N, C-alpha and C. Protein backbone atom coordinates (compact mmCIF):
# COMPACT_ATOMS: atom_id res chain seq x y z
N MET A 1 -30.62 -77.21 67.17
CA MET A 1 -32.00 -77.54 67.23
C MET A 1 -31.76 -77.92 65.43
N ARG A 2 -32.95 -79.18 65.29
CA ARG A 2 -32.83 -79.70 64.06
C ARG A 2 -33.25 -78.98 62.99
N ARG A 3 -32.86 -78.98 61.15
CA ARG A 3 -33.29 -78.28 60.30
C ARG A 3 -34.74 -78.63 60.25
N ALA A 4 -36.18 -77.63 59.84
CA ALA A 4 -36.99 -78.31 59.64
C ALA A 4 -36.84 -78.96 58.18
N GLN A 5 -37.76 -79.92 58.41
CA GLN A 5 -38.20 -80.74 57.29
C GLN A 5 -39.47 -80.77 56.27
N ARG A 6 -39.35 -80.65 55.05
CA ARG A 6 -41.09 -80.86 54.41
C ARG A 6 -41.41 -82.31 54.53
N THR A 7 -42.37 -82.67 55.13
CA THR A 7 -43.10 -83.61 55.54
C THR A 7 -44.78 -83.65 55.43
N ASN A 8 -45.04 -84.67 55.57
CA ASN A 8 -46.76 -84.96 55.14
C ASN A 8 -47.02 -85.59 56.48
N ARG A 9 -46.22 -85.80 57.80
CA ARG A 9 -46.56 -85.99 58.91
C ARG A 9 -47.18 -85.35 59.74
N ARG A 10 -47.89 -85.36 60.53
CA ARG A 10 -48.75 -84.46 61.40
C ARG A 10 -48.86 -84.21 62.60
N ALA A 11 -48.83 -83.47 63.24
CA ALA A 11 -48.80 -83.74 65.06
C ALA A 11 -49.83 -83.05 65.67
N PRO A 12 -50.10 -83.52 66.75
CA PRO A 12 -51.56 -82.92 67.25
C PRO A 12 -50.96 -81.40 67.63
N VAL A 13 -52.04 -80.25 67.62
CA VAL A 13 -51.46 -78.86 67.60
C VAL A 13 -51.46 -79.00 69.45
N ASP A 14 -51.91 -79.43 70.44
CA ASP A 14 -51.50 -79.50 71.54
C ASP A 14 -50.13 -80.11 71.95
N GLY A 15 -49.62 -81.13 70.94
CA GLY A 15 -48.08 -81.66 71.09
C GLY A 15 -47.35 -80.29 70.73
N ASN A 16 -47.81 -79.62 69.72
CA ASN A 16 -46.72 -78.33 69.10
C ASN A 16 -46.79 -77.37 70.00
N ARG A 17 -47.90 -77.30 70.95
CA ARG A 17 -47.68 -75.83 71.80
C ARG A 17 -47.12 -76.51 72.91
N ARG A 18 -46.77 -77.52 73.25
CA ARG A 18 -45.72 -77.72 74.21
C ARG A 18 -44.17 -77.52 73.97
N THR A 19 -44.30 -77.90 72.43
CA THR A 19 -43.24 -77.56 72.03
C THR A 19 -42.18 -76.22 71.57
N TYR A 20 -43.35 -75.38 70.87
CA TYR A 20 -42.69 -74.09 70.89
C TYR A 20 -43.24 -72.90 72.06
N LEU A 21 -44.20 -73.25 72.41
CA LEU A 21 -44.73 -72.42 73.66
C LEU A 21 -44.29 -73.10 75.00
N ARG A 22 -43.00 -72.93 75.51
CA ARG A 22 -42.58 -73.37 76.72
C ARG A 22 -42.93 -72.76 77.96
N ALA A 23 -42.69 -71.30 77.93
CA ALA A 23 -42.98 -70.58 79.13
C ALA A 23 -43.42 -69.37 78.88
N GLU A 24 -44.12 -68.54 79.81
CA GLU A 24 -44.69 -67.37 79.87
C GLU A 24 -43.57 -66.26 79.65
N SER A 25 -42.59 -66.89 80.01
CA SER A 25 -41.36 -65.59 79.98
C SER A 25 -40.85 -65.51 78.66
N GLU A 26 -41.50 -66.11 77.77
CA GLU A 26 -41.04 -66.23 76.12
C GLU A 26 -41.81 -64.94 75.36
N ASP A 27 -41.34 -64.24 74.43
CA ASP A 27 -41.62 -63.53 73.22
C ASP A 27 -41.87 -64.20 72.08
N THR A 28 -42.77 -64.42 71.18
CA THR A 28 -42.97 -65.16 70.02
C THR A 28 -43.05 -63.80 68.99
N PHE A 29 -42.48 -64.16 68.01
CA PHE A 29 -42.44 -63.35 66.97
C PHE A 29 -42.74 -64.11 65.50
N ILE A 30 -43.73 -63.72 64.62
CA ILE A 30 -43.98 -64.21 63.44
C ILE A 30 -43.42 -63.48 62.52
N VAL A 31 -42.66 -64.10 61.65
CA VAL A 31 -41.80 -63.19 60.68
C VAL A 31 -42.17 -63.78 59.32
N ILE A 32 -42.73 -62.91 58.78
CA ILE A 32 -43.43 -62.96 57.36
C ILE A 32 -43.03 -61.92 56.15
N ALA A 33 -43.33 -62.59 54.95
CA ALA A 33 -42.55 -61.52 54.00
C ALA A 33 -43.28 -60.46 53.30
N HIS A 34 -44.95 -60.62 53.12
CA HIS A 34 -45.75 -59.77 52.94
C HIS A 34 -47.08 -59.50 53.85
N PRO A 35 -47.63 -58.50 53.74
CA PRO A 35 -49.14 -58.26 54.01
C PRO A 35 -50.59 -59.56 53.61
N ASP A 36 -50.68 -60.03 54.20
CA ASP A 36 -51.66 -61.16 53.94
C ASP A 36 -50.93 -62.34 54.15
N ASP A 37 -49.68 -62.61 54.37
CA ASP A 37 -49.14 -64.20 54.51
C ASP A 37 -49.59 -64.19 55.88
N GLU A 38 -49.69 -63.15 56.82
CA GLU A 38 -50.30 -63.58 58.21
C GLU A 38 -51.72 -64.63 58.20
N ALA A 39 -52.31 -63.81 57.29
CA ALA A 39 -54.12 -64.86 57.15
C ALA A 39 -53.84 -66.04 56.37
N MET A 40 -53.22 -65.92 55.46
CA MET A 40 -52.90 -67.21 54.19
C MET A 40 -52.06 -68.17 55.04
N PHE A 41 -50.87 -68.12 55.61
CA PHE A 41 -50.58 -69.15 56.13
C PHE A 41 -50.04 -69.62 57.69
N MET A 42 -50.33 -68.07 58.53
CA MET A 42 -49.74 -68.15 59.69
C MET A 42 -51.22 -68.10 60.61
N GLY A 43 -52.48 -67.85 59.95
CA GLY A 43 -53.66 -67.67 61.05
C GLY A 43 -53.93 -68.46 62.20
N PRO A 44 -53.92 -70.17 61.86
CA PRO A 44 -54.14 -70.92 63.13
C PRO A 44 -52.82 -71.05 64.00
N THR A 45 -51.78 -70.57 63.38
CA THR A 45 -50.22 -70.34 64.28
C THR A 45 -50.52 -69.21 65.35
N ILE A 46 -50.95 -68.40 64.65
CA ILE A 46 -51.01 -67.00 65.67
C ILE A 46 -52.20 -67.02 66.57
N ARG A 47 -53.24 -67.61 66.16
CA ARG A 47 -54.55 -68.14 67.27
C ARG A 47 -54.06 -69.15 68.45
N SER A 48 -53.14 -70.09 67.88
CA SER A 48 -52.66 -70.80 68.98
C SER A 48 -52.10 -70.20 70.05
N VAL A 49 -51.13 -69.42 69.46
CA VAL A 49 -50.31 -68.37 70.51
C VAL A 49 -51.18 -67.47 71.62
N THR A 50 -52.07 -66.79 70.75
CA THR A 50 -52.69 -65.86 71.25
C THR A 50 -53.82 -66.64 72.54
N SER A 51 -54.21 -67.84 72.01
CA SER A 51 -55.15 -68.51 73.12
C SER A 51 -54.43 -69.00 74.25
N ALA A 52 -53.00 -69.24 74.01
CA ALA A 52 -52.39 -69.85 74.96
C ALA A 52 -51.66 -68.55 76.23
N ARG A 53 -51.53 -67.27 75.49
CA ARG A 53 -50.51 -66.32 76.23
C ARG A 53 -51.48 -64.87 76.01
N ASP A 54 -50.89 -64.28 76.89
CA ASP A 54 -51.32 -62.85 76.42
C ASP A 54 -50.94 -62.55 75.37
N ALA A 55 -51.69 -61.90 74.58
CA ALA A 55 -51.36 -61.22 73.34
C ALA A 55 -50.45 -60.40 72.97
N GLY A 56 -49.71 -59.39 74.14
CA GLY A 56 -48.99 -58.99 74.60
C GLY A 56 -47.37 -59.51 73.82
N SER A 57 -47.22 -60.52 73.95
CA SER A 57 -46.17 -61.40 74.07
C SER A 57 -45.90 -61.82 72.68
N LEU A 58 -46.86 -61.63 71.79
CA LEU A 58 -46.59 -62.18 70.31
C LEU A 58 -46.44 -60.95 69.43
N HIS A 59 -45.46 -60.83 68.32
CA HIS A 59 -45.12 -60.13 67.47
C HIS A 59 -45.49 -60.41 66.26
N VAL A 60 -45.80 -59.64 65.53
CA VAL A 60 -45.58 -60.28 63.79
C VAL A 60 -44.82 -58.76 63.05
N LEU A 61 -43.84 -59.43 62.80
CA LEU A 61 -43.11 -58.60 61.68
C LEU A 61 -43.02 -59.25 60.17
N CYS A 62 -43.23 -58.11 59.56
CA CYS A 62 -43.40 -58.07 58.03
C CYS A 62 -42.43 -57.56 57.22
N LEU A 63 -41.74 -58.09 56.38
CA LEU A 63 -40.43 -57.57 55.90
C LEU A 63 -40.59 -56.66 54.85
N SER A 64 -41.86 -56.70 54.19
CA SER A 64 -42.01 -56.10 53.28
C SER A 64 -43.58 -55.03 53.18
N THR A 65 -43.89 -54.28 52.26
CA THR A 65 -45.05 -53.77 52.25
C THR A 65 -45.64 -54.74 51.28
N GLY A 66 -45.45 -55.44 50.38
CA GLY A 66 -46.19 -56.07 49.58
C GLY A 66 -46.51 -55.12 48.44
N ASP A 67 -45.61 -54.42 47.47
CA ASP A 67 -45.83 -53.21 46.71
C ASP A 67 -45.64 -53.58 45.24
N PHE A 68 -45.66 -54.77 45.44
CA PHE A 68 -45.36 -55.17 43.58
C PHE A 68 -46.29 -55.16 42.86
N ASP A 69 -47.84 -54.69 43.30
CA ASP A 69 -48.47 -54.24 42.26
C ASP A 69 -49.17 -52.78 42.63
N GLY A 70 -48.49 -52.30 43.29
CA GLY A 70 -48.39 -50.90 43.52
C GLY A 70 -49.21 -50.88 44.82
N LEU A 71 -49.62 -51.31 45.55
CA LEU A 71 -50.55 -51.34 46.47
C LEU A 71 -49.88 -51.49 47.88
N GLY A 72 -49.00 -51.26 48.19
CA GLY A 72 -48.08 -51.15 49.49
C GLY A 72 -48.63 -50.12 50.16
N ASN A 73 -49.23 -49.36 50.00
CA ASN A 73 -49.28 -48.44 51.10
C ASN A 73 -51.00 -49.09 51.70
N VAL A 74 -51.67 -49.61 50.96
CA VAL A 74 -52.89 -50.11 51.37
C VAL A 74 -52.72 -51.28 52.01
N ARG A 75 -51.76 -52.32 51.85
CA ARG A 75 -51.52 -53.67 52.60
C ARG A 75 -50.85 -53.43 53.78
N ARG A 76 -49.98 -52.30 54.03
CA ARG A 76 -49.60 -52.10 55.17
C ARG A 76 -50.51 -51.77 56.41
N THR A 77 -51.42 -50.75 55.79
CA THR A 77 -52.50 -50.82 56.69
C THR A 77 -53.67 -51.62 56.91
N GLU A 78 -53.80 -52.71 56.13
CA GLU A 78 -54.59 -53.95 56.23
C GLU A 78 -53.85 -55.05 57.37
N LEU A 79 -52.68 -54.74 57.42
CA LEU A 79 -52.00 -56.18 58.08
C LEU A 79 -52.64 -55.78 59.79
N PRO A 80 -52.41 -54.49 60.34
CA PRO A 80 -52.45 -54.92 61.82
C PRO A 80 -54.17 -55.35 62.09
N ALA A 81 -54.92 -54.52 61.38
CA ALA A 81 -56.46 -55.10 61.57
C ALA A 81 -56.53 -56.50 61.40
N ALA A 82 -55.93 -57.06 60.23
CA ALA A 82 -55.99 -58.56 59.98
C ALA A 82 -55.59 -59.31 61.43
N ALA A 83 -54.20 -58.98 61.95
CA ALA A 83 -53.45 -59.51 62.93
C ALA A 83 -54.56 -59.52 64.38
N ALA A 84 -55.32 -58.34 64.37
CA ALA A 84 -56.25 -58.20 65.21
C ALA A 84 -57.29 -58.96 65.58
N ALA A 85 -57.44 -59.36 64.18
CA ALA A 85 -58.76 -60.44 64.15
C ALA A 85 -58.66 -61.76 64.52
N LEU A 86 -56.89 -61.77 64.70
CA LEU A 86 -56.14 -63.25 64.79
C LEU A 86 -56.32 -63.46 66.36
N GLY A 87 -56.15 -62.17 66.93
CA GLY A 87 -56.20 -62.43 68.35
C GLY A 87 -54.86 -61.63 68.53
N ALA A 88 -54.06 -60.91 67.66
CA ALA A 88 -52.66 -60.26 67.93
C ALA A 88 -53.01 -58.87 68.46
N SER A 89 -52.07 -58.25 68.99
CA SER A 89 -52.18 -56.84 69.38
C SER A 89 -51.80 -55.92 68.08
N PRO A 90 -52.29 -55.22 67.70
CA PRO A 90 -51.92 -54.03 66.33
C PRO A 90 -50.99 -53.42 66.83
N ALA A 91 -50.15 -53.19 68.00
CA ALA A 91 -49.46 -52.16 68.30
C ALA A 91 -48.09 -53.14 68.63
N ASN A 92 -48.22 -54.30 68.34
CA ASN A 92 -47.14 -55.16 67.86
C ASN A 92 -46.77 -55.54 66.31
N VAL A 93 -47.56 -55.16 65.86
CA VAL A 93 -47.35 -55.38 63.93
C VAL A 93 -46.38 -54.13 63.85
N THR A 94 -45.05 -54.94 62.84
CA THR A 94 -44.17 -54.02 62.16
C THR A 94 -44.14 -54.50 60.88
N VAL A 95 -44.12 -53.19 60.05
CA VAL A 95 -44.28 -53.58 58.44
C VAL A 95 -43.06 -52.65 58.01
N LEU A 96 -41.90 -53.42 57.78
CA LEU A 96 -40.85 -52.72 56.98
C LEU A 96 -40.84 -52.13 55.56
N ASP A 97 -40.34 -51.12 55.14
CA ASP A 97 -39.95 -50.46 53.87
C ASP A 97 -38.82 -50.45 53.57
N LEU A 98 -38.17 -51.11 53.34
CA LEU A 98 -36.47 -50.95 53.10
C LEU A 98 -36.18 -51.68 51.71
N PRO A 99 -35.03 -51.11 50.79
CA PRO A 99 -35.04 -51.20 49.34
C PRO A 99 -34.31 -52.33 49.36
N ALA A 100 -33.49 -53.05 50.71
CA ALA A 100 -33.24 -54.67 50.15
C ALA A 100 -34.22 -55.71 50.49
N PHE A 101 -35.46 -55.12 50.62
CA PHE A 101 -36.55 -56.44 50.88
C PHE A 101 -37.79 -55.80 49.56
N ARG A 102 -37.89 -55.59 48.46
CA ARG A 102 -38.62 -55.53 47.52
C ARG A 102 -39.57 -56.59 46.83
N ASP A 103 -40.93 -56.59 47.00
CA ASP A 103 -41.81 -57.59 46.73
C ASP A 103 -41.57 -58.02 45.26
N GLY A 104 -41.52 -59.37 44.93
CA GLY A 104 -41.65 -59.60 43.75
C GLY A 104 -41.16 -61.01 43.58
N PRO A 105 -41.95 -61.73 42.28
CA PRO A 105 -41.41 -63.23 42.33
C PRO A 105 -40.38 -63.46 41.66
N ASP A 106 -39.30 -62.38 41.31
CA ASP A 106 -38.09 -62.37 40.89
C ASP A 106 -37.10 -61.69 41.51
N GLU A 107 -37.89 -61.25 43.09
CA GLU A 107 -36.83 -61.06 43.75
C GLU A 107 -36.21 -61.67 45.13
N ALA A 108 -35.04 -62.29 45.06
CA ALA A 108 -34.27 -62.94 45.99
C ALA A 108 -33.36 -62.21 47.13
N TRP A 109 -34.07 -62.35 48.47
CA TRP A 109 -33.62 -61.09 49.58
C TRP A 109 -32.52 -61.91 50.08
N ARG A 110 -31.06 -61.33 50.17
CA ARG A 110 -30.07 -61.81 50.88
C ARG A 110 -30.44 -62.05 52.39
N PRO A 111 -30.05 -63.66 52.55
CA PRO A 111 -30.26 -63.81 53.92
C PRO A 111 -29.55 -63.31 55.07
N ASP A 112 -28.73 -63.07 54.95
CA ASP A 112 -27.87 -61.98 55.57
C ASP A 112 -28.49 -60.85 56.24
N ALA A 113 -29.08 -59.79 55.24
CA ALA A 113 -29.74 -58.71 55.15
C ALA A 113 -31.17 -59.17 56.16
N VAL A 114 -31.61 -60.24 55.73
CA VAL A 114 -33.29 -60.79 56.44
C VAL A 114 -32.76 -60.88 58.07
N GLY A 115 -31.39 -61.95 57.90
CA GLY A 115 -31.25 -61.85 59.71
C GLY A 115 -30.88 -60.86 60.51
N ALA A 116 -30.35 -59.72 59.63
CA ALA A 116 -29.99 -58.47 60.60
C ALA A 116 -31.29 -57.75 61.04
N ALA A 117 -31.94 -57.77 60.07
CA ALA A 117 -33.12 -57.31 59.99
C ALA A 117 -34.28 -57.68 61.23
N VAL A 118 -34.31 -59.09 61.29
CA VAL A 118 -34.95 -59.53 62.05
C VAL A 118 -34.42 -59.54 63.62
N TRP A 119 -32.91 -59.94 63.92
CA TRP A 119 -32.44 -59.54 64.89
C TRP A 119 -32.53 -58.08 65.68
N ASP A 120 -32.31 -57.08 64.56
CA ASP A 120 -32.81 -55.57 65.17
C ASP A 120 -33.80 -55.44 65.36
N HIS A 121 -34.94 -55.97 64.93
CA HIS A 121 -35.94 -55.78 65.45
C HIS A 121 -36.30 -56.66 66.92
N VAL A 122 -35.93 -58.20 66.61
CA VAL A 122 -36.20 -58.77 67.98
C VAL A 122 -35.55 -58.40 69.16
N ARG A 123 -34.06 -57.77 69.14
CA ARG A 123 -33.41 -57.13 70.24
C ARG A 123 -34.13 -56.01 70.59
N THR A 124 -35.09 -55.33 69.91
CA THR A 124 -35.54 -53.82 70.71
C THR A 124 -36.93 -54.08 71.17
N ARG A 125 -37.65 -55.18 70.88
CA ARG A 125 -39.08 -55.37 70.90
C ARG A 125 -39.11 -56.46 71.87
N ALA A 126 -38.18 -57.41 72.24
CA ALA A 126 -38.46 -58.40 73.31
C ALA A 126 -38.56 -57.74 74.61
N ARG A 127 -39.12 -58.51 75.42
CA ARG A 127 -39.38 -57.88 77.23
C ARG A 127 -37.91 -58.71 77.63
N PRO A 128 -37.15 -57.49 78.63
CA PRO A 128 -35.80 -57.97 78.75
C PRO A 128 -36.14 -59.16 79.65
N GLY A 129 -35.05 -60.01 79.34
CA GLY A 129 -35.12 -61.09 80.36
C GLY A 129 -36.04 -62.30 79.34
N ALA A 130 -36.80 -61.79 78.79
CA ALA A 130 -37.63 -63.30 77.83
C ALA A 130 -36.71 -63.88 77.06
N GLY A 131 -37.14 -65.17 76.80
CA GLY A 131 -36.40 -65.53 75.48
C GLY A 131 -37.32 -65.41 74.49
N VAL A 132 -36.62 -66.09 73.27
CA VAL A 132 -37.19 -65.29 72.11
C VAL A 132 -37.85 -66.56 71.03
N VAL A 133 -39.12 -66.85 70.56
CA VAL A 133 -39.04 -67.84 69.65
C VAL A 133 -39.50 -67.28 68.16
N LEU A 134 -39.31 -67.57 67.34
CA LEU A 134 -39.29 -67.08 65.77
C LEU A 134 -40.19 -68.09 65.15
N LEU A 135 -41.29 -67.47 64.08
CA LEU A 135 -42.14 -68.84 63.71
C LEU A 135 -41.97 -68.32 62.28
N THR A 136 -41.61 -69.03 61.33
CA THR A 136 -41.72 -68.17 59.78
C THR A 136 -41.88 -69.49 58.93
N PHE A 137 -41.99 -69.15 57.61
CA PHE A 137 -42.08 -70.17 56.40
C PHE A 137 -41.07 -71.38 56.62
N ASP A 138 -41.24 -72.53 55.91
CA ASP A 138 -40.65 -73.93 55.56
C ASP A 138 -39.59 -73.37 54.72
N GLY A 139 -38.63 -74.48 54.38
CA GLY A 139 -37.36 -74.05 53.79
C GLY A 139 -38.11 -73.81 52.05
N ALA A 140 -39.05 -74.43 51.56
CA ALA A 140 -39.81 -74.13 50.44
C ALA A 140 -40.65 -72.92 50.30
N GLY A 141 -40.60 -72.12 51.28
CA GLY A 141 -41.24 -70.86 51.36
C GLY A 141 -42.80 -71.03 51.47
N VAL A 142 -43.38 -72.31 51.74
CA VAL A 142 -44.34 -72.91 51.57
C VAL A 142 -45.37 -72.62 50.40
N SER A 143 -45.25 -71.64 49.67
CA SER A 143 -45.95 -71.56 48.31
C SER A 143 -44.97 -71.33 47.31
N GLY A 144 -43.34 -71.36 47.55
CA GLY A 144 -42.50 -71.56 46.56
C GLY A 144 -41.88 -69.86 46.35
N HIS A 145 -42.61 -68.66 46.86
CA HIS A 145 -42.47 -67.30 46.46
C HIS A 145 -40.78 -67.36 47.18
N PRO A 146 -40.07 -66.58 46.47
CA PRO A 146 -38.80 -66.41 46.63
C PRO A 146 -38.32 -65.55 47.80
N ASN A 147 -39.51 -64.54 47.78
CA ASN A 147 -39.27 -63.77 49.04
C ASN A 147 -39.73 -64.87 50.38
N HIS A 148 -40.45 -65.36 50.35
CA HIS A 148 -41.28 -66.82 51.49
C HIS A 148 -39.24 -67.20 51.71
N VAL A 149 -38.70 -68.00 50.59
CA VAL A 149 -37.56 -68.51 50.93
C VAL A 149 -36.82 -68.10 51.32
N SER A 150 -36.41 -66.40 51.00
CA SER A 150 -35.23 -65.86 51.39
C SER A 150 -35.53 -65.47 53.22
N THR A 151 -36.99 -65.26 53.33
CA THR A 151 -37.00 -65.29 54.95
C THR A 151 -36.77 -66.31 55.97
N TYR A 152 -37.01 -67.66 55.37
CA TYR A 152 -36.52 -68.96 55.61
C TYR A 152 -35.04 -69.24 56.23
N ARG A 153 -34.57 -68.40 54.94
CA ARG A 153 -33.10 -69.00 55.05
C ARG A 153 -32.50 -67.34 55.84
N GLY A 154 -33.07 -66.54 55.62
CA GLY A 154 -32.32 -65.31 56.91
C GLY A 154 -32.72 -65.87 58.25
N VAL A 155 -33.89 -66.53 58.47
CA VAL A 155 -34.07 -66.76 59.98
C VAL A 155 -33.40 -68.19 60.25
N VAL A 156 -32.87 -68.77 59.32
CA VAL A 156 -32.08 -70.24 59.83
C VAL A 156 -30.57 -69.63 60.07
N GLY A 157 -29.97 -68.43 59.20
CA GLY A 157 -28.46 -68.06 59.26
C GLY A 157 -28.46 -67.26 60.73
N LEU A 158 -29.87 -66.64 61.18
CA LEU A 158 -29.85 -66.02 62.50
C LEU A 158 -29.57 -66.49 63.61
N VAL A 159 -30.42 -67.83 63.41
CA VAL A 159 -30.43 -68.63 64.53
C VAL A 159 -29.09 -69.49 64.64
N ARG A 160 -28.33 -69.50 63.47
CA ARG A 160 -27.08 -70.25 63.74
C ARG A 160 -25.80 -69.54 64.60
N ARG A 161 -26.20 -67.72 63.80
CA ARG A 161 -25.01 -67.02 64.40
C ARG A 161 -25.13 -67.16 65.52
N ARG A 162 -26.73 -67.00 66.24
CA ARG A 162 -26.93 -66.86 67.57
C ARG A 162 -26.60 -67.98 68.56
N ARG A 163 -26.24 -69.17 67.65
CA ARG A 163 -25.96 -70.12 68.15
C ARG A 163 -24.52 -70.29 68.77
N GLY A 164 -23.86 -69.78 67.64
CA GLY A 164 -22.31 -69.95 67.57
C GLY A 164 -21.81 -68.75 68.74
N SER A 165 -22.60 -67.90 69.00
CA SER A 165 -22.07 -66.98 69.87
C SER A 165 -22.43 -67.58 71.40
N ASP A 166 -23.32 -68.57 71.77
CA ASP A 166 -23.28 -69.17 72.80
C ASP A 166 -22.39 -70.07 73.00
N ARG A 167 -21.39 -70.09 72.04
CA ARG A 167 -20.13 -71.45 71.94
C ARG A 167 -19.12 -70.26 72.03
N GLY A 168 -19.32 -68.73 71.69
CA GLY A 168 -18.00 -67.85 72.20
C GLY A 168 -17.40 -67.98 70.53
N GLU A 169 -18.32 -68.46 69.57
CA GLU A 169 -17.81 -68.39 68.18
C GLU A 169 -18.47 -67.25 67.06
N GLY A 170 -19.47 -66.32 67.96
CA GLY A 170 -20.04 -65.39 67.09
C GLY A 170 -20.36 -64.24 67.94
N GLU A 171 -21.67 -63.23 67.75
CA GLU A 171 -21.85 -62.06 68.30
C GLU A 171 -22.57 -62.49 69.34
N GLU A 172 -22.33 -61.44 70.47
CA GLU A 172 -23.02 -62.07 71.85
C GLU A 172 -23.84 -60.89 72.24
N GLY A 173 -24.63 -61.29 73.33
CA GLY A 173 -25.58 -60.57 73.97
C GLY A 173 -27.28 -60.69 73.38
N GLY A 174 -27.99 -60.16 74.19
CA GLY A 174 -29.39 -60.37 73.29
C GLY A 174 -30.12 -61.70 74.06
N PRO A 175 -31.07 -61.93 73.57
CA PRO A 175 -32.08 -62.84 74.01
C PRO A 175 -31.77 -64.44 73.59
N GLU A 176 -32.13 -65.47 74.01
CA GLU A 176 -32.11 -66.52 73.42
C GLU A 176 -32.88 -66.75 72.62
N ILE A 177 -32.45 -67.38 71.22
CA ILE A 177 -33.82 -67.67 70.39
C ILE A 177 -33.86 -68.96 70.15
N ARG A 178 -35.07 -69.29 70.02
CA ARG A 178 -35.78 -70.48 68.94
C ARG A 178 -36.31 -70.45 68.00
N ALA A 179 -35.91 -71.09 67.24
CA ALA A 179 -36.99 -70.85 65.83
C ALA A 179 -37.88 -72.11 65.09
N TYR A 180 -39.05 -72.24 64.47
CA TYR A 180 -39.69 -73.18 64.19
C TYR A 180 -40.04 -72.51 62.58
N ALA A 181 -40.40 -73.83 61.83
CA ALA A 181 -40.96 -73.59 60.44
C ALA A 181 -42.42 -73.89 60.33
N LEU A 182 -43.33 -73.44 59.41
CA LEU A 182 -44.59 -73.98 58.88
C LEU A 182 -43.57 -75.50 58.29
N VAL A 183 -44.90 -76.52 58.37
CA VAL A 183 -45.08 -77.61 57.64
C VAL A 183 -45.53 -77.40 56.18
N THR A 184 -44.56 -77.55 55.44
CA THR A 184 -45.87 -77.90 53.89
C THR A 184 -46.50 -78.91 54.00
N VAL A 185 -47.88 -78.18 53.21
CA VAL A 185 -48.95 -79.22 53.44
C VAL A 185 -49.67 -79.03 51.99
N SER A 186 -50.36 -79.90 51.22
CA SER A 186 -51.00 -80.25 50.30
C SER A 186 -51.53 -78.77 49.83
N LEU A 187 -51.68 -78.73 48.33
CA LEU A 187 -51.84 -77.42 47.89
C LEU A 187 -53.35 -76.85 48.39
N TRP A 188 -54.30 -77.64 48.49
CA TRP A 188 -55.75 -76.90 48.64
C TRP A 188 -55.91 -76.81 50.01
N ARG A 189 -54.74 -77.27 50.78
CA ARG A 189 -54.92 -76.48 52.49
C ARG A 189 -54.15 -75.68 52.55
N LYS A 190 -53.26 -75.14 51.23
CA LYS A 190 -52.58 -73.65 51.68
C LYS A 190 -53.51 -72.35 51.22
N PHE A 191 -54.45 -72.60 50.69
CA PHE A 191 -55.12 -71.72 50.42
C PHE A 191 -56.87 -71.86 50.34
N VAL A 192 -57.18 -72.44 51.38
CA VAL A 192 -58.63 -72.71 51.77
C VAL A 192 -59.01 -71.77 52.83
N GLY A 193 -58.13 -70.62 53.01
CA GLY A 193 -58.54 -69.52 54.04
C GLY A 193 -59.29 -70.09 55.51
N PRO A 194 -60.30 -69.62 55.62
CA PRO A 194 -60.65 -69.91 56.93
C PRO A 194 -60.74 -71.17 57.50
N ALA A 195 -61.03 -71.85 56.35
CA ALA A 195 -61.20 -73.42 56.44
C ALA A 195 -60.39 -73.89 56.94
N GLU A 196 -58.96 -73.47 56.99
CA GLU A 196 -57.60 -73.97 57.46
C GLU A 196 -57.72 -74.22 59.11
N VAL A 197 -58.25 -73.20 59.71
CA VAL A 197 -58.31 -73.23 60.96
C VAL A 197 -58.95 -74.29 61.75
N ALA A 198 -60.44 -74.43 60.96
CA ALA A 198 -60.91 -75.84 61.29
C ALA A 198 -59.91 -76.99 61.29
N VAL A 199 -58.97 -77.09 59.84
CA VAL A 199 -58.32 -78.29 59.72
C VAL A 199 -56.83 -78.30 60.76
N GLY A 200 -56.53 -76.91 60.71
CA GLY A 200 -55.36 -76.47 61.64
C GLY A 200 -55.80 -77.17 63.18
N SER A 201 -56.86 -77.11 63.72
CA SER A 201 -57.33 -77.06 65.05
C SER A 201 -57.19 -78.86 65.22
N VAL A 202 -56.69 -79.68 64.28
CA VAL A 202 -56.86 -80.89 64.30
C VAL A 202 -55.42 -81.98 63.80
N ALA A 203 -54.61 -80.87 63.53
CA ALA A 203 -53.46 -80.83 62.96
C ALA A 203 -52.56 -80.00 62.95
N GLY A 204 -51.41 -80.47 63.33
CA GLY A 204 -50.48 -79.33 63.54
C GLY A 204 -49.82 -78.75 62.33
N VAL A 205 -49.27 -77.64 62.60
CA VAL A 205 -48.51 -76.54 61.01
C VAL A 205 -47.59 -76.26 61.42
N LEU A 206 -46.75 -76.80 62.49
CA LEU A 206 -45.23 -76.47 62.66
C LEU A 206 -44.51 -77.43 63.12
N SER A 207 -43.02 -77.57 62.32
CA SER A 207 -42.12 -78.47 62.29
C SER A 207 -41.45 -78.27 63.44
N GLY A 208 -40.54 -79.12 63.78
CA GLY A 208 -39.46 -79.22 64.87
C GLY A 208 -38.68 -77.96 64.84
N GLY A 209 -37.84 -77.73 65.53
CA GLY A 209 -36.75 -76.55 65.49
C GLY A 209 -36.25 -76.33 64.30
N ILE A 210 -35.54 -75.46 63.69
CA ILE A 210 -34.65 -75.08 62.31
C ILE A 210 -33.43 -74.48 63.09
N GLY A 211 -32.36 -74.45 62.10
CA GLY A 211 -31.23 -73.60 62.57
C GLY A 211 -30.10 -74.61 63.08
N GLY A 212 -30.28 -75.70 63.24
CA GLY A 212 -29.52 -76.66 63.96
C GLY A 212 -28.18 -76.90 63.35
């Protein structure tokens, strides 16, 4: 798959659905860095998945509690409710609290650690025999936050390792993985909140595959 590119081009949401929603037998994992990323950046994407499939096939994996301001315990309890409002199942929302993934504007997470955490989660939560689609930030982290960038790099590394295993060059076993990244949009669109759902309904928010 080709690497995601930052672009101003847009594709219809229906076209994107045909790209990253190929089969009912796939599970979709939204991989984010902090509680509130699901609403600020992934809302239209989550809605597009849950409107096309059973909500049970969608998972949200958050790599940190978002504790930079000391509110991690509050934010981690808010995430399942926010995801439910977007159509996801709260039972499929997971928030990690690991020393390797501390929230902060000066914290760069190791991509290999991110990839390992995502893979551990995916292989234990994906349905037997189901393919896996990963959706995450773009290479610039959408907002430029280093935790977002690390999340993207970790997913890219994971997909490359899995593709290597298909050629007998890396670890074996587990589900087939495809991955997609958000497309960077203009600043006002990133932070307009609910209005972005309306914008996203006529303009795609995902690029092509990543990790090629």
